[in-house]
Protein backbone atom coordinates (compact mmCIF):
# COMPACT_ATOMS: atom_id res chain seq x y z
CA MET A 1 0.00 0.00 0.00
CA LEU A 2 1.27 3.49 -0.84
CA LEU A 3 2.15 5.53 2.22
CA ARG A 4 -0.41 8.17 1.25
CA ASP A 5 -3.16 5.54 1.10
CA GLU A 6 -2.03 3.98 4.36
CA LEU A 7 -2.14 7.27 6.24
CA LEU A 8 -5.53 8.04 4.70
CA SER A 9 -6.86 4.66 5.89
CA ILE A 10 -5.67 5.49 9.42
CA PHE A 11 -7.45 8.85 9.23
CA MET A 12 -10.68 7.18 8.07
CA ALA A 13 -10.51 4.68 10.95
CA GLY A 14 -10.59 7.64 13.32
CA VAL A 15 -13.47 9.26 11.45
CA GLU A 16 -15.59 6.11 11.46
CA ALA A 17 -15.13 5.62 15.23
CA ALA A 18 -16.51 9.13 15.80
CA SER A 19 -19.49 8.73 13.47
CA ALA A 20 -23.13 8.67 14.55
CA PRO A 21 -23.66 4.98 13.66
CA ALA A 22 -20.74 4.04 15.91
CA ALA A 23 -21.44 6.41 18.78
CA LEU A 24 -25.14 7.28 19.08
CA ALA A 25 -27.33 4.18 18.95
CA SER A 26 -26.28 2.69 22.29
CA ALA A 27 -26.58 6.05 24.07
CA LEU A 28 -30.22 6.79 23.17
CA PRO A 29 -32.97 6.22 25.77
CA LYS A 30 -34.61 2.80 25.42
CA ALA A 31 -37.89 3.23 27.35
CA PRO A 32 -40.80 4.80 25.45
CA PRO A 33 -41.84 8.34 26.45
CA GLN A 34 -45.25 9.25 27.84
CA GLY A 35 -45.86 11.57 24.92
CA ARG A 36 -44.19 12.31 21.58
CA PRO A 37 -40.49 11.88 20.88
CA ILE A 38 -39.33 15.15 19.27
CA VAL A 39 -35.86 15.32 17.71
CA LEU A 40 -34.20 18.71 17.17
CA GLY A 41 -30.66 19.13 15.94
CA CYS A 42 -27.96 20.93 14.04
CA GLY A 43 -24.45 20.45 12.76
CA LYS A 44 -22.44 18.56 10.18
CA ALA A 45 -23.36 15.24 11.80
CA ALA A 46 -27.06 16.13 12.17
CA ALA A 47 -28.42 14.10 9.24
CA SER A 48 -26.45 11.00 10.18
CA MET A 49 -27.53 11.37 13.81
CA ALA A 50 -31.15 11.78 12.66
CA GLU A 51 -30.95 8.51 10.72
CA VAL A 52 -29.76 6.69 13.85
CA ALA A 53 -32.38 8.36 16.06
CA ALA A 54 -35.20 7.51 13.64
CA HIS A 55 -34.30 3.83 13.83
CA HIS A 56 -33.46 3.51 17.53
CA LEU A 57 -35.73 5.88 19.47
CA PRO A 58 -38.96 4.27 20.65
CA GLY A 59 -42.24 5.82 19.56
CA ASP A 60 -43.49 7.78 16.58
CA VAL A 61 -40.49 10.06 16.12
CA THR A 62 -40.90 13.53 14.63
CA GLY A 63 -38.57 16.48 14.42
CA CYS A 64 -36.25 18.59 12.31
CA VAL A 65 -32.49 18.98 12.00
CA VAL A 66 -30.25 21.19 9.87
CA THR A 67 -26.91 20.27 8.34
CA ARG A 68 -24.47 21.65 5.79
CA PHE A 69 -25.15 21.40 2.07
CA GLY A 70 -23.82 18.05 0.89
CA HIS A 71 -23.91 16.48 4.37
CA GLY A 72 -27.56 15.42 4.15
CA ALA A 73 -29.31 12.12 4.77
CA ARG A 74 -28.24 9.00 2.91
CA GLY A 75 -30.83 6.78 4.55
CA ASP A 76 -34.29 6.99 6.06
CA THR A 77 -34.89 9.65 8.72
CA GLY A 78 -38.55 8.76 9.24
CA GLY A 79 -40.51 11.70 10.60
CA ILE A 80 -37.39 13.83 11.09
CA THR A 81 -37.04 16.50 8.41
CA VAL A 82 -33.49 17.30 7.28
CA ILE A 83 -32.76 20.83 6.04
CA GLU A 84 -29.47 21.71 4.32
CA ALA A 85 -27.97 25.18 4.72
CA SER A 86 -24.78 27.17 4.24
CA HIS A 87 -21.58 26.90 6.27
CA PRO A 88 -19.51 28.73 7.51
CA VAL A 89 -21.59 31.80 6.61
CA PRO A 90 -25.35 31.44 7.33
CA ASP A 91 -27.93 31.94 4.60
CA SER A 92 -31.70 32.12 4.22
CA ALA A 93 -31.93 28.33 4.66
CA SER A 94 -30.12 28.67 8.00
CA LEU A 95 -32.67 31.25 9.07
CA ALA A 96 -35.62 29.13 7.90
CA ALA A 97 -34.19 26.13 9.77
CA GLY A 98 -33.68 28.12 12.96
CA ARG A 99 -37.23 29.42 12.96
CA ARG A 100 -38.77 26.06 12.07
CA ILE A 101 -36.83 24.21 14.73
CA ARG A 102 -37.60 26.83 17.40
CA GLU A 103 -41.29 26.72 16.49
CA LEU A 104 -41.27 22.93 16.70
CA ALA A 105 -39.58 23.12 20.11
CA ALA A 106 -42.36 25.41 21.29
CA THR A 107 -44.96 22.71 20.51
CA ALA A 108 -43.50 20.40 23.19
CA ARG A 109 -45.89 19.53 26.00
CA LYS A 110 -45.66 17.78 29.35
CA GLY A 111 -44.73 14.14 28.80
CA ASP A 112 -43.07 14.68 25.44
CA ARG A 113 -39.45 13.59 25.10
CA VAL A 114 -37.21 16.17 23.46
CA VAL A 115 -33.92 14.84 22.04
CA PHE A 116 -31.29 17.33 20.92
CA LEU A 117 -28.69 16.12 18.40
CA ILE A 118 -25.83 18.59 18.40
CA SER A 119 -22.58 18.63 16.43
CA GLY A 120 -19.97 21.07 15.21
CA GLY A 121 -20.94 23.50 12.48
CA GLY A 122 -24.35 24.12 14.01
CA SER A 123 -23.55 27.71 14.92
CA SER A 124 -23.91 28.94 11.35
CA LEU A 125 -26.43 26.32 10.25
CA LEU A 126 -29.04 27.04 12.94
CA ILE A 127 -29.73 30.75 13.27
CA ASP A 128 -32.59 32.87 14.50
CA PRO A 129 -31.20 36.35 15.24
CA LEU A 130 -32.48 38.59 17.98
CA PRO A 131 -35.36 40.79 16.82
CA GLY A 132 -33.85 43.81 15.14
CA LEU A 133 -30.77 41.96 13.84
CA THR A 134 -31.02 41.14 10.13
CA LEU A 135 -29.77 37.97 8.48
CA GLU A 136 -27.38 40.03 6.37
CA ARG A 137 -25.78 41.70 9.35
CA LYS A 138 -25.65 38.45 11.33
CA ALA A 139 -23.88 36.78 8.38
CA GLN A 140 -21.41 39.67 8.11
CA ILE A 141 -20.55 39.45 11.82
CA ASN A 142 -20.21 35.69 11.57
CA GLU A 143 -17.89 35.86 8.55
CA HIS A 144 -15.78 38.55 10.20
CA LEU A 145 -15.34 36.50 13.38
CA VAL A 146 -14.49 33.28 11.49
CA LYS A 147 -11.75 35.06 9.53
CA SER A 148 -10.44 37.16 12.42
CA GLY A 149 -8.46 34.46 14.22
CA VAL A 150 -10.64 34.72 17.34
CA PRO A 151 -10.78 31.36 19.21
CA ILE A 152 -13.89 29.33 18.45
CA ALA A 153 -15.06 29.42 22.06
CA GLU A 154 -15.15 33.22 21.97
CA ILE A 155 -16.83 33.24 18.55
CA ASN A 156 -19.56 30.98 19.87
CA PHE A 157 -19.89 33.11 23.01
CA VAL A 158 -20.67 36.11 20.82
CA ARG A 159 -23.04 34.07 18.64
CA SER A 160 -25.04 32.97 21.67
CA HIS A 161 -25.69 36.61 22.57
CA LEU A 162 -27.06 37.42 19.11
CA SER A 163 -29.51 34.54 18.87
CA GLN A 164 -32.92 33.25 19.91
CA VAL A 165 -31.79 29.59 19.63
CA LYS A 166 -28.20 29.50 20.93
CA GLY A 167 -26.91 29.45 24.50
CA GLY A 168 -29.73 27.22 25.75
CA ARG A 169 -32.53 29.21 24.17
CA LEU A 170 -33.72 26.30 22.02
CA ALA A 171 -34.15 24.15 25.14
CA ALA A 172 -35.89 27.04 26.85
CA ALA A 173 -38.41 27.12 23.98
CA ALA A 174 -39.19 23.44 24.67
CA SER A 175 -39.32 23.78 28.46
CA ALA A 176 -43.02 22.79 28.64
CA ALA A 177 -41.88 19.21 28.04
CA GLY A 178 -40.55 19.07 31.57
CA ASP A 179 -37.59 16.93 32.55
CA ASP A 180 -37.63 14.38 29.71
CA MET A 181 -34.95 16.15 27.70
CA HIS A 182 -31.67 14.66 26.44
CA SER A 183 -28.72 16.19 24.58
CA PHE A 184 -26.33 14.07 22.52
CA VAL A 185 -23.23 15.88 21.37
CA ILE A 186 -20.48 15.08 18.88
CA SER A 187 -17.85 17.57 20.00
CA ASP A 188 -15.61 19.60 17.73
CA VAL A 189 -14.24 21.91 20.42
CA VAL A 190 -11.06 21.57 22.43
CA GLY A 191 -12.07 20.68 25.99
CA ASP A 192 -15.45 19.27 24.92
CA ASP A 193 -17.59 21.83 26.73
CA PRO A 194 -21.05 20.97 25.32
CA ALA A 195 -22.20 24.54 25.87
CA VAL A 196 -19.64 25.62 23.25
CA VAL A 197 -20.42 23.01 20.57
CA ALA A 198 -22.68 24.70 17.98
CA SER A 199 -23.01 27.53 20.53
CA GLY A 200 -24.98 25.22 22.83
CA PRO A 201 -28.59 25.53 21.61
CA SER A 202 -29.78 23.11 24.30
CA ILE A 203 -27.37 24.08 27.08
CA ALA A 204 -27.38 27.36 28.96
CA SER A 205 -24.03 29.11 28.81
CA ALA A 206 -22.56 32.03 30.70
CA PHE A 207 -24.49 35.20 29.95
CA ASP A 208 -22.35 38.35 29.81
CA PRO A 209 -23.43 40.85 27.13
CA ALA A 210 -20.62 43.27 27.98
CA ARG A 211 -18.01 40.57 27.37
CA ALA A 212 -19.64 39.58 24.07
CA LEU A 213 -19.42 43.19 22.89
CA ALA A 214 -15.81 43.44 24.07
CA ILE A 215 -14.88 40.35 22.03
CA LEU A 216 -16.54 41.88 18.97
CA GLU A 217 -14.71 45.17 19.42
CA SER A 218 -11.31 43.52 19.99
CA SER A 219 -11.79 41.46 16.82
CA GLY A 220 -12.09 44.67 14.83
CA TRP A 221 -15.84 44.72 14.30
CA PRO A 222 -17.33 48.24 14.68
CA VAL A 223 -19.90 48.00 17.47
CA ASP A 224 -22.40 50.80 16.96
CA ALA A 225 -24.99 52.03 19.45
CA ALA A 226 -27.83 50.02 17.91
CA LEU A 227 -25.97 46.70 18.14
CA SER A 228 -24.77 47.48 21.65
CA GLU A 229 -28.30 48.28 22.80
CA LEU A 230 -29.63 45.10 21.19
CA VAL A 231 -27.10 42.84 22.93
CA LEU A 232 -27.32 44.56 26.31
CA ALA A 233 -31.11 44.24 26.30
CA GLY A 234 -30.94 40.44 26.00
CA CYS A 235 -32.04 38.14 28.79
CA ALA A 236 -30.29 35.10 30.22
CA PRO A 237 -31.93 31.89 28.95
CA SER A 238 -33.72 29.57 31.35
CA ALA A 239 -32.77 26.27 29.73
CA PRO A 240 -33.92 23.26 31.78
CA HIS A 241 -31.18 21.07 33.23
CA HIS A 242 -31.15 17.64 31.62
CA PRO A 243 -28.75 14.78 30.82
CA VAL A 244 -26.03 15.81 28.36
CA HIS A 245 -23.93 13.11 26.68
CA VAL A 246 -20.76 13.82 24.71
CA ILE A 247 -20.82 10.65 22.61
CA ALA A 248 -17.75 11.31 20.42
CA ASN A 249 -14.87 13.74 20.39
CA ALA A 250 -11.29 14.17 19.20
CA ILE A 251 -10.06 11.53 21.67
CA THR A 252 -12.52 9.02 20.20
CA ALA A 253 -11.00 9.54 16.76
CA ILE A 254 -7.37 9.72 17.87
CA ASP A 255 -7.72 6.55 19.96
CA ALA A 256 -9.16 4.66 16.99
CA ALA A 257 -6.55 6.01 14.59
CA THR A 258 -3.79 5.06 17.01
CA ALA A 259 -5.10 1.52 17.42
CA PHE A 260 -5.46 1.06 13.65
CA ALA A 261 -1.95 2.40 12.99
CA ARG A 262 -0.45 0.04 15.55
CA LYS A 263 -2.18 -2.90 13.86
CA LYS A 264 -0.39 -1.81 10.70
CA GLY A 265 2.94 -2.00 12.48
CA TRP A 266 3.55 1.65 13.32
CA HIS A 267 5.20 2.81 16.54
CA VAL A 268 2.76 5.60 17.40
CA ILE A 269 3.70 8.65 19.43
CA ARG A 270 0.90 11.05 20.34
CA ILE A 271 2.05 14.65 20.49
CA GLY A 272 -1.19 16.32 21.57
CA ASP A 273 -4.80 15.21 21.36
CA ASP A 274 -6.44 18.61 21.73
CA LEU A 275 -4.04 21.18 20.32
CA GLY A 276 -5.05 24.74 19.56
CA GLY A 277 -3.15 27.72 18.21
CA ASN A 278 -1.89 29.01 14.90
CA ALA A 279 -1.72 26.23 12.32
CA ALA A 280 1.49 27.26 10.57
CA PHE A 281 3.27 27.84 13.89
CA ILE A 282 2.26 24.40 15.20
CA GLY A 283 3.41 22.89 11.90
CA ARG A 284 6.88 24.41 12.29
CA ARG A 285 7.05 23.20 15.89
CA HIS A 286 6.08 19.67 14.85
CA ALA A 287 8.80 19.75 12.19
CA ALA A 288 11.38 20.11 14.95
CA ILE A 289 9.89 17.14 16.83
CA ALA A 290 9.87 15.03 13.66
CA LEU A 291 13.48 15.89 12.88
CA GLU A 292 14.53 14.83 16.37
CA HIS A 293 13.03 11.39 15.81
CA ALA A 294 14.51 11.18 12.31
CA ALA A 295 17.98 12.01 13.66
CA GLY A 296 17.67 9.06 16.04
CA GLY A 297 16.91 6.72 13.15
CA ARG A 298 13.47 5.84 14.50
CA ARG A 299 10.54 4.84 12.30
CA CYS A 300 7.41 6.20 13.97
CA LEU A 301 4.10 7.89 13.40
CA LEU A 302 3.43 11.15 15.23
CA ILE A 303 -0.30 11.70 15.69
CA SER A 304 -2.07 14.79 16.99
CA GLY A 305 -5.59 16.20 17.11
CA GLY A 306 -7.45 19.35 18.09
CA GLU A 307 -8.46 22.49 16.21
CA LEU A 308 -5.93 24.95 14.85
CA THR A 309 -6.61 28.43 13.51
CA VAL A 310 -5.43 30.49 10.57
CA THR A 311 -4.22 34.07 10.71
CA VAL A 312 -6.00 35.54 7.70
CA ARG A 313 -3.85 37.91 5.65
CA ASN A 314 -5.77 37.42 2.41
CA ARG A 315 -9.53 37.04 2.87
CA ASP A 316 -9.78 35.55 -0.63
CA GLY A 317 -6.97 33.05 -0.08
CA PRO A 318 -8.02 29.40 -0.51
CA GLY A 319 -6.74 27.10 2.22
CA GLY A 320 -7.80 25.95 5.67
CA PRO A 321 -5.96 25.13 8.89
CA ASN A 322 -4.89 21.64 7.84
CA LEU A 323 -3.14 22.89 4.72
CA GLU A 324 -1.61 25.80 6.63
CA TYR A 325 -0.33 23.32 9.22
CA LEU A 326 1.21 21.13 6.51
CA THR A 327 2.68 24.15 4.75
CA GLY A 328 4.36 25.35 7.96
CA LEU A 329 5.62 21.81 8.59
CA MET A 330 6.95 21.43 5.04
CA ALA A 331 8.64 24.83 5.10
CA ALA A 332 10.68 23.84 8.15
CA LEU A 333 11.93 20.47 6.81
CA PRO A 334 15.05 19.83 4.73
CA VAL A 335 14.15 18.55 1.26
CA ASP A 336 15.84 15.20 1.94
CA ALA A 337 14.18 14.54 5.32
CA PRO A 338 12.64 11.04 5.45
CA ILE A 339 9.31 12.51 6.50
CA ALA A 340 5.79 12.46 5.05
CA ALA A 341 2.62 13.90 6.54
CA LEU A 342 -1.15 13.91 6.19
CA SER A 343 -3.51 16.30 7.95
CA CYS A 344 -7.28 16.36 7.41
CA ASP A 345 -10.42 17.67 9.05
CA SER A 346 -12.65 14.89 10.30
CA ASP A 347 -15.70 16.49 8.65
CA GLY A 348 -14.12 16.17 5.20
CA ILE A 349 -13.87 19.94 4.68
CA ASP A 350 -10.71 21.95 5.47
CA GLY A 351 -11.88 25.51 5.90
CA SER A 352 -14.33 26.32 3.12
CA GLU A 353 -12.82 24.54 0.11
CA ASP A 354 -13.58 21.08 -1.31
CA ASN A 355 -10.68 19.20 0.29
CA ALA A 356 -10.46 17.43 3.64
CA GLY A 357 -6.81 18.37 3.94
CA GLY A 358 -3.56 17.40 2.30
CA TYR A 359 -0.49 15.18 2.07
CA PHE A 360 3.15 15.62 1.19
CA ASP A 361 6.22 13.41 1.02
CA GLY A 362 9.71 13.48 -0.48
CA THR A 363 8.45 13.26 -4.04
CA ALA A 364 5.41 15.55 -3.73
CA ARG A 365 6.33 18.71 -1.90
CA GLY A 366 6.91 22.42 -2.32
CA THR A 367 10.09 24.38 -1.80
CA ALA A 368 10.61 26.42 1.36
CA GLU A 369 10.18 29.57 -0.73
CA ALA A 370 6.89 28.35 -2.20
CA CYS A 371 5.65 27.43 1.28
CA GLU A 372 6.46 30.83 2.74
CA ALA A 373 4.77 32.58 -0.18
CA ALA A 374 1.65 30.45 0.28
CA LEU A 375 1.52 31.23 3.99
CA ALA A 376 1.98 34.95 3.39
CA THR A 377 -1.05 35.00 1.08
CA ASN A 378 -3.15 32.18 2.61
CA ARG A 379 -2.91 30.27 -0.67
CA SER A 380 -1.93 26.85 0.69
CA TYR A 381 -4.73 25.24 -1.36
CA ASP A 382 -3.07 26.40 -4.58
CA LEU A 383 0.29 25.06 -3.40
CA PHE A 384 -1.09 21.60 -2.63
CA ALA A 385 -3.07 21.50 -5.87
CA LYS A 386 0.18 22.16 -7.71
CA ILE A 387 2.10 19.34 -5.99
CA GLY A 388 -0.83 16.90 -6.19
CA GLY A 389 -1.23 16.82 -2.44
CA LEU A 390 -4.92 17.60 -1.92
CA ILE A 391 -6.95 14.95 -0.06
CA MET A 392 -10.60 14.71 -1.11
CA THR A 393 -12.91 12.53 0.98
CA GLY A 394 -16.22 14.29 0.54
CA PRO A 395 -18.45 14.97 3.56
CA THR A 396 -17.96 12.42 6.35
CA ARG A 397 -21.08 13.52 8.29
CA THR A 398 -19.23 13.79 11.59
CA ASN A 399 -17.04 16.51 13.07
CA VAL A 400 -14.44 16.00 15.80
CA ASN A 401 -11.70 18.35 14.59
CA ASP A 402 -8.49 17.51 12.81
CA ILE A 403 -6.38 14.36 12.66
CA ARG A 404 -2.72 14.99 11.84
CA MET A 405 -0.05 12.36 11.13
CA ILE A 406 3.70 12.67 10.49
CA ALA A 407 5.42 9.51 9.24
CA VAL A 408 9.09 9.60 10.24
CA GLY A 409 11.88 7.38 8.95
CA GLU A 410 10.29 5.96 5.84
CA LYS A 411 10.51 7.10 2.25
CA PRO A 412 7.17 6.87 0.40
């Protein structure tokens, strides 16, 4: 097997372990509810989770979930409607989904069972802005924050203060159901705080309008009097407490990838399961670690996970954090280093392009000068297209951050 294919098979083993079919079915409640089972959800795994829920929840299941275009249902979702919408910038379908799902939540009555299916990507897919905030302006704020380099936890904190469905407000809309509520979360955030995943539509988060405005201002967004008044007038949500289950996360995927790699004969060294920070910087740092192992003559596979960020210098530059990580890594390696690497996003989409990530080795790589130029202009996608290093998996319908692998001591 080619090294590229072998590393890709290890990546896919991690993805499959963190998928809804592998993680959700056994976690769902088994006893029938007194009333209706209502499923509400959002995120890149929402359609796949809805398929599992439709087949494994007892009762006549109804509901609605929203996912990204291209990540929709491949099987039967029964009475659960699946809406597809735009990501990472919300669109009219996101707004329609947010309103429909909130209205459905409001139909819950005592004895009904409300099941929330939450996964990463839901923040832009499920929107229902505060009255007075237009879809256009909400989308502009969202796009600005995504490209500003602000950590995802802070982005989602701001989002929850601009919404009628985030920060526990969706659960608050369904509060008439009483205590038969359940949240099932596939986490794409470092630390796995369920209130941060998809901006926590079913889980009340800290409410601090002044801090939300401060984050916006520090990111460079001009906060005018109207927006400030709108945010400061918001009320803390009263989301009912209920069982919350994180059913898959980065560790789920990294554990499975590690086990699969070891079966293939690799000596695996994990160098961080939940890394954050600038992608290119982390790539350069991992180059130094890889070179240390190469100097010792060791054949090993360095695996890491987490969610890295990109410092945007060119807002039109194609390339996401996985390609920026690989470009930083490649730039810091001698051309003759016996090192290859693959880095992909578990959802199958690196940033906003059509690739999951990329791969390079001794025969398919860019020069240090080409790498630095790509980083300076955020054009890592173009660099990897040129060297034939793009990895295309299509949507995986899960989302537990990135899986990165550096193969040391073996020529491809």
